[in-house]
Amino acid sequence: MNRYFAARPRGGAPLRLFCFHHAGAGAMTFAGWGGRIGPQVSVVPVRLPGRESRIGEARITDVASLLSELDEHLGPLLEEGPYAFYGHSLGALVAYRFAEHRIGSGRQAPVGVVVGACMPPDLPNPLIGAGHLDDESLLALLSSFGGVPEELLARPVWLREMLATTRADLRLGHALREGARTPLPCPVWAFAGERDRVATPAAVAQWERWTSSSFRFHTLAGGHFFVRDSELPRKIGELLAEPQVLAAVD
């Protein structure tokens, strides 16, 4: 397994979808997506440092380091052909800022940026400001939103590691929000969970103001972590296989 990606791009698919995970998680969040998204799309889950096979690396908490990291390890792949981004919660801010960075530096733009379970950068976020909390308080907050898998509660060492990673990721999320400025000139498609109490559907729909191109909004069953369900990759695959998207790829 590659340190940076949970899967390499597969041949034959006309479009690559680079996926960015939520706070405290890793690239394995997107395990199984390749079999659900359809033949038109190759799924490439991106792994930030400090987790999974990169557990020994320092976690990133500032935007400049993040963009340098993504430029180094994703940049060559992004120049090989058409691509899109999907980001879930924190990952949506990563996807937005990296797309903004690439477009601003004159490089190939994504055919679209898909965001899930995240309000746009200018709206208050109850999780992003929680990077200062101690373990007990952070665990209580995450548990209230369904963000702690049951198996972690029985593994104190893993739980502490997850909380430390989440805390660093929330600091990164705060930095990503602070520097956000520019509506993207590419399409933005947003997904929200019907029962999400963190990023409500009404808040997620306001990503429309963050693109000067087309915008689409969808709601799915579930709460904040609907990324774990099978409906999301199927819906994204249908969206990316639409004739107008594939025409842009060609």
Protein backbone atom coordinates (compact mmCIF):
# COMPACT_ATOMS: atom_id res chain seq x y z
CA MET A 1 0.00 0.00 0.00
CA ASN A 2 1.31 3.45 -0.94
CA ARG A 3 2.00 5.79 1.99
CA TYR A 4 0.10 8.64 0.35
CA PHE A 5 -2.80 6.88 -1.38
CA ALA A 6 -5.02 3.97 -0.37
CA ALA A 7 -5.26 3.07 -4.08
CA ARG A 8 -3.40 4.11 -7.20
CA PRO A 9 -5.37 5.37 -10.23
CA ARG A 10 -6.65 2.48 -12.35
CA GLY A 11 -6.34 2.45 -16.09
CA GLY A 12 -9.30 2.78 -18.42
CA ALA A 13 -11.34 5.28 -16.40
CA PRO A 14 -11.57 8.70 -18.10
CA LEU A 15 -11.72 10.63 -14.82
CA ARG A 16 -9.85 10.43 -11.49
CA LEU A 17 -11.53 11.38 -8.21
CA PHE A 18 -9.09 12.36 -5.45
CA CYS A 19 -10.77 11.97 -2.05
CA PHE A 20 -9.88 13.82 1.17
CA HIS A 21 -10.96 12.37 4.52
CA HIS A 22 -12.59 14.01 7.53
CA ALA A 23 -10.82 15.02 10.76
CA GLY A 24 -9.33 12.14 12.73
CA ALA A 25 -9.78 9.70 9.85
CA GLY A 26 -7.62 8.42 7.01
CA ALA A 27 -7.71 7.30 3.41
CA MET A 28 -9.36 4.00 4.35
CA THR A 29 -12.55 6.03 4.85
CA PHE A 30 -13.01 5.50 1.12
CA ALA A 31 -12.37 1.73 1.08
CA GLY A 32 -14.87 0.09 -1.24
CA TRP A 33 -15.65 3.25 -3.23
CA GLY A 34 -13.92 1.91 -6.34
CA GLY A 35 -16.51 -0.85 -6.67
CA ARG A 36 -19.48 1.47 -6.14
CA ILE A 37 -18.68 4.57 -8.12
CA GLY A 38 -18.83 3.08 -11.61
CA PRO A 39 -16.41 2.42 -14.48
CA GLN A 40 -16.07 6.07 -15.54
CA VAL A 41 -14.24 7.10 -12.37
CA SER A 42 -11.00 5.97 -10.73
CA VAL A 43 -11.06 6.63 -6.97
CA VAL A 44 -7.77 7.82 -5.40
CA PRO A 45 -8.09 8.29 -1.60
CA VAL A 46 -5.46 10.70 -0.27
CA ARG A 47 -3.82 10.06 3.11
CA LEU A 48 -2.61 13.04 5.13
CA PRO A 49 0.40 12.50 7.44
CA GLY A 50 -0.01 11.31 11.03
CA ARG A 51 -2.33 8.33 10.43
CA GLU A 52 -2.49 4.81 8.98
CA SER A 53 0.72 4.03 7.06
CA ARG A 54 1.92 7.59 7.79
CA ILE A 55 1.40 7.32 11.55
CA GLY A 56 5.01 8.22 12.35
CA GLU A 57 4.94 11.50 10.40
CA ALA A 58 4.19 14.89 11.92
CA ARG A 59 0.59 16.02 11.49
CA ILE A 60 -0.04 19.14 9.43
CA THR A 61 -1.80 22.09 11.06
CA ASP A 62 -0.99 24.98 8.69
CA VAL A 63 -2.09 25.72 5.14
CA ALA A 64 1.33 26.35 3.59
CA SER A 65 2.62 22.92 4.70
CA LEU A 66 -0.55 21.25 3.48
CA LEU A 67 -0.38 22.80 0.00
CA SER A 68 3.32 21.96 -0.28
CA GLU A 69 2.55 18.36 0.70
CA LEU A 70 -0.27 18.05 -1.85
CA ASP A 71 1.73 19.74 -4.61
CA GLU A 72 4.62 17.33 -4.09
CA HIS A 73 2.67 14.08 -3.94
CA LEU A 74 -0.49 14.79 -5.96
CA GLY A 75 0.75 17.37 -8.44
CA PRO A 76 2.30 14.94 -10.96
CA LEU A 77 -0.85 12.77 -10.96
CA LEU A 78 -3.10 15.79 -11.49
CA GLU A 79 -1.19 16.73 -14.63
CA GLU A 80 -1.75 13.31 -16.21
CA GLY A 81 -5.40 13.85 -17.12
CA PRO A 82 -8.81 15.17 -16.01
CA TYR A 83 -9.66 14.92 -12.34
CA ALA A 84 -12.16 15.97 -9.67
CA PHE A 85 -11.96 16.31 -5.88
CA TYR A 86 -14.24 14.97 -3.15
CA GLY A 87 -13.76 16.15 0.43
CA HIS A 88 -15.77 15.15 3.49
CA SER A 89 -16.08 17.64 6.38
CA LEU A 90 -12.47 18.80 6.97
CA GLY A 91 -11.65 17.19 3.62
CA ALA A 92 -14.07 19.57 1.88
CA LEU A 93 -11.99 22.52 3.04
CA VAL A 94 -8.83 20.73 1.89
CA ALA A 95 -10.39 20.09 -1.53
CA TYR A 96 -11.58 23.69 -1.88
CA ARG A 97 -8.27 25.29 -0.84
CA PHE A 98 -6.18 22.94 -2.99
CA ALA A 99 -8.38 23.61 -6.02
CA GLU A 100 -8.12 27.35 -5.32
CA HIS A 101 -4.33 27.02 -5.05
CA ARG A 102 -3.92 25.09 -8.29
CA ILE A 103 -6.19 27.38 -10.28
CA GLY A 104 -4.52 30.48 -8.84
CA SER A 105 -1.10 29.21 -9.89
CA GLY A 106 -2.21 28.57 -13.47
CA ARG A 107 -2.28 24.79 -13.37
CA GLN A 108 -4.90 22.40 -14.67
CA ALA A 109 -8.20 22.91 -12.84
CA PRO A 110 -10.46 20.09 -11.64
CA VAL A 111 -13.58 19.40 -13.70
CA GLY A 112 -15.46 19.82 -10.43
CA VAL A 113 -15.11 19.95 -6.64
CA VAL A 114 -17.52 17.82 -4.61
CA VAL A 115 -17.96 18.76 -0.94
CA GLY A 116 -19.79 16.77 1.72
CA ALA A 117 -20.87 17.40 5.32
CA CYS A 118 -19.22 20.82 5.45
CA MET A 119 -20.57 24.34 5.55
CA PRO A 120 -18.71 26.91 3.44
CA PRO A 121 -15.71 28.67 5.02
CA ASP A 122 -17.56 31.85 6.00
CA LEU A 123 -20.14 30.12 8.23
CA PRO A 124 -19.54 29.18 11.90
CA ASN A 125 -18.58 25.55 12.44
CA PRO A 126 -19.14 23.88 15.85
CA LEU A 127 -16.31 21.39 15.30
CA ILE A 128 -13.58 23.55 13.77
CA GLY A 129 -13.23 25.60 16.96
CA ALA A 130 -12.79 22.50 19.15
CA GLY A 131 -9.07 21.98 18.56
CA HIS A 132 -8.23 23.34 22.03
CA LEU A 133 -10.39 20.84 23.97
CA ASP A 134 -8.88 18.20 26.25
CA ASP A 135 -9.44 14.51 25.48
CA GLU A 136 -12.53 14.10 27.67
CA SER A 137 -14.31 17.17 26.27
CA LEU A 138 -13.34 16.41 22.66
CA LEU A 139 -14.51 12.79 23.01
CA ALA A 140 -17.87 13.96 24.38
CA LEU A 141 -18.31 16.40 21.51
CA LEU A 142 -17.40 13.87 18.82
CA SER A 143 -19.61 11.22 20.41
CA SER A 144 -22.57 13.59 20.36
CA PHE A 145 -22.25 13.77 16.57
CA GLY A 146 -21.66 10.04 16.07
CA GLY A 147 -18.01 10.47 15.22
CA VAL A 148 -16.45 7.77 17.45
CA PRO A 149 -16.63 4.16 16.20
CA GLU A 150 -17.65 1.76 18.97
CA GLU A 151 -14.54 -0.39 18.57
CA LEU A 152 -12.30 2.56 19.49
CA LEU A 153 -13.93 2.98 22.90
CA ALA A 154 -12.57 -0.43 23.93
CA ARG A 155 -9.02 0.44 22.77
CA PRO A 156 -7.69 3.32 24.92
CA VAL A 157 -4.35 3.64 23.08
CA TRP A 158 -6.02 3.87 19.67
CA LEU A 159 -8.63 6.23 21.07
CA ARG A 160 -5.98 8.63 22.41
CA GLU A 161 -4.22 8.55 19.04
CA MET A 162 -7.46 9.31 17.21
CA LEU A 163 -8.22 12.23 19.52
CA ALA A 164 -4.71 13.67 19.03
CA THR A 165 -5.07 13.37 15.26
CA THR A 166 -8.53 14.91 15.35
CA ARG A 167 -7.30 17.83 17.45
CA ALA A 168 -4.51 18.57 14.94
CA ASP A 169 -6.94 18.23 12.03
CA LEU A 170 -9.35 20.69 13.62
CA ARG A 171 -6.54 23.21 13.93
CA LEU A 172 -5.81 22.68 10.25
CA GLY A 173 -9.50 23.19 9.49
CA HIS A 174 -9.48 26.49 11.36
CA ALA A 175 -6.49 27.67 9.30
CA LEU A 176 -8.14 26.57 6.06
CA ARG A 177 -11.28 28.56 6.85
CA GLU A 178 -9.35 31.67 7.85
CA GLY A 179 -7.60 32.01 4.50
CA ALA A 180 -10.53 31.17 2.22
CA ARG A 181 -11.30 34.02 -0.17
CA THR A 182 -12.15 33.09 -3.74
CA PRO A 183 -15.19 31.46 -5.40
CA LEU A 184 -13.97 28.66 -7.65
CA PRO A 185 -14.36 29.03 -11.44
CA CYS A 186 -15.15 25.30 -11.74
CA PRO A 187 -18.42 23.52 -10.81
CA VAL A 188 -19.09 22.79 -7.14
CA TRP A 189 -21.41 19.98 -6.08
CA ALA A 190 -22.45 19.70 -2.43
CA PHE A 191 -23.87 16.81 -0.39
CA ALA A 192 -25.49 17.05 3.05
CA GLY A 193 -26.88 14.50 5.48
CA GLU A 194 -30.59 14.95 6.25
CA ARG A 195 -29.93 14.48 9.98
CA ASP A 196 -26.56 16.23 10.17
CA ARG A 197 -26.48 18.55 13.20
CA VAL A 198 -22.95 19.80 12.44
CA ALA A 199 -23.30 20.83 8.80
CA THR A 200 -27.04 21.17 8.26
CA PRO A 201 -28.48 20.94 4.74
CA ALA A 202 -29.35 24.65 4.84
CA ALA A 203 -25.72 25.51 5.66
CA VAL A 204 -24.16 23.14 3.12
CA ALA A 205 -26.40 24.58 0.39
CA GLN A 206 -24.62 27.90 0.82
CA TRP A 207 -21.58 26.55 -1.04
CA GLU A 208 -23.44 27.97 -4.04
CA ARG A 209 -21.82 31.31 -3.21
CA TRP A 210 -18.36 29.76 -3.53
CA THR A 211 -18.43 29.05 -7.24
CA SER A 212 -18.74 31.30 -10.27
CA SER A 213 -19.63 28.22 -12.33
CA SER A 214 -22.50 25.74 -11.93
CA PHE A 215 -23.71 24.41 -8.57
CA ARG A 216 -25.64 21.30 -7.57
CA PHE A 217 -26.93 20.35 -4.12
CA HIS A 218 -28.06 16.93 -2.85
CA THR A 219 -29.25 15.58 0.50
CA LEU A 220 -28.66 12.00 1.60
CA ALA A 221 -30.04 9.90 4.43
CA GLY A 222 -27.89 9.91 7.53
CA GLY A 223 -26.02 12.27 9.81
CA HIS A 224 -22.59 13.88 9.62
CA PHE A 225 -20.76 10.67 8.69
CA PHE A 226 -22.82 9.55 5.70
CA VAL A 227 -19.45 9.06 3.96
CA ARG A 228 -19.50 5.60 5.59
CA ASP A 229 -22.65 4.59 3.69
CA SER A 230 -22.81 3.15 0.17
CA GLU A 231 -25.20 5.75 -1.28
CA LEU A 232 -22.66 8.59 -1.52
CA PRO A 233 -20.15 6.99 -3.93
CA ARG A 234 -22.99 5.79 -6.15
CA LYS A 235 -24.45 9.31 -6.30
CA ILE A 236 -21.07 10.89 -7.04
CA GLY A 237 -20.43 8.29 -9.74
CA GLU A 238 -23.76 9.13 -11.38
CA LEU A 239 -22.98 12.84 -11.21
CA LEU A 240 -19.50 12.47 -12.73
CA ALA A 241 -20.85 10.20 -15.50
CA GLU A 242 -23.36 12.79 -16.72
CA PRO A 243 -22.84 13.76 -20.38
CA GLN A 244 -21.92 17.38 -19.64
CA VAL A 245 -19.19 16.28 -17.21
CA LEU A 246 -17.77 13.68 -19.56
CA ALA A 247 -17.84 16.25 -22.36
CA ALA A 248 -15.60 18.47 -20.25
CA VAL A 249 -13.29 15.50 -19.72
CA ASP A 250 -13.04 14.89 -23.46
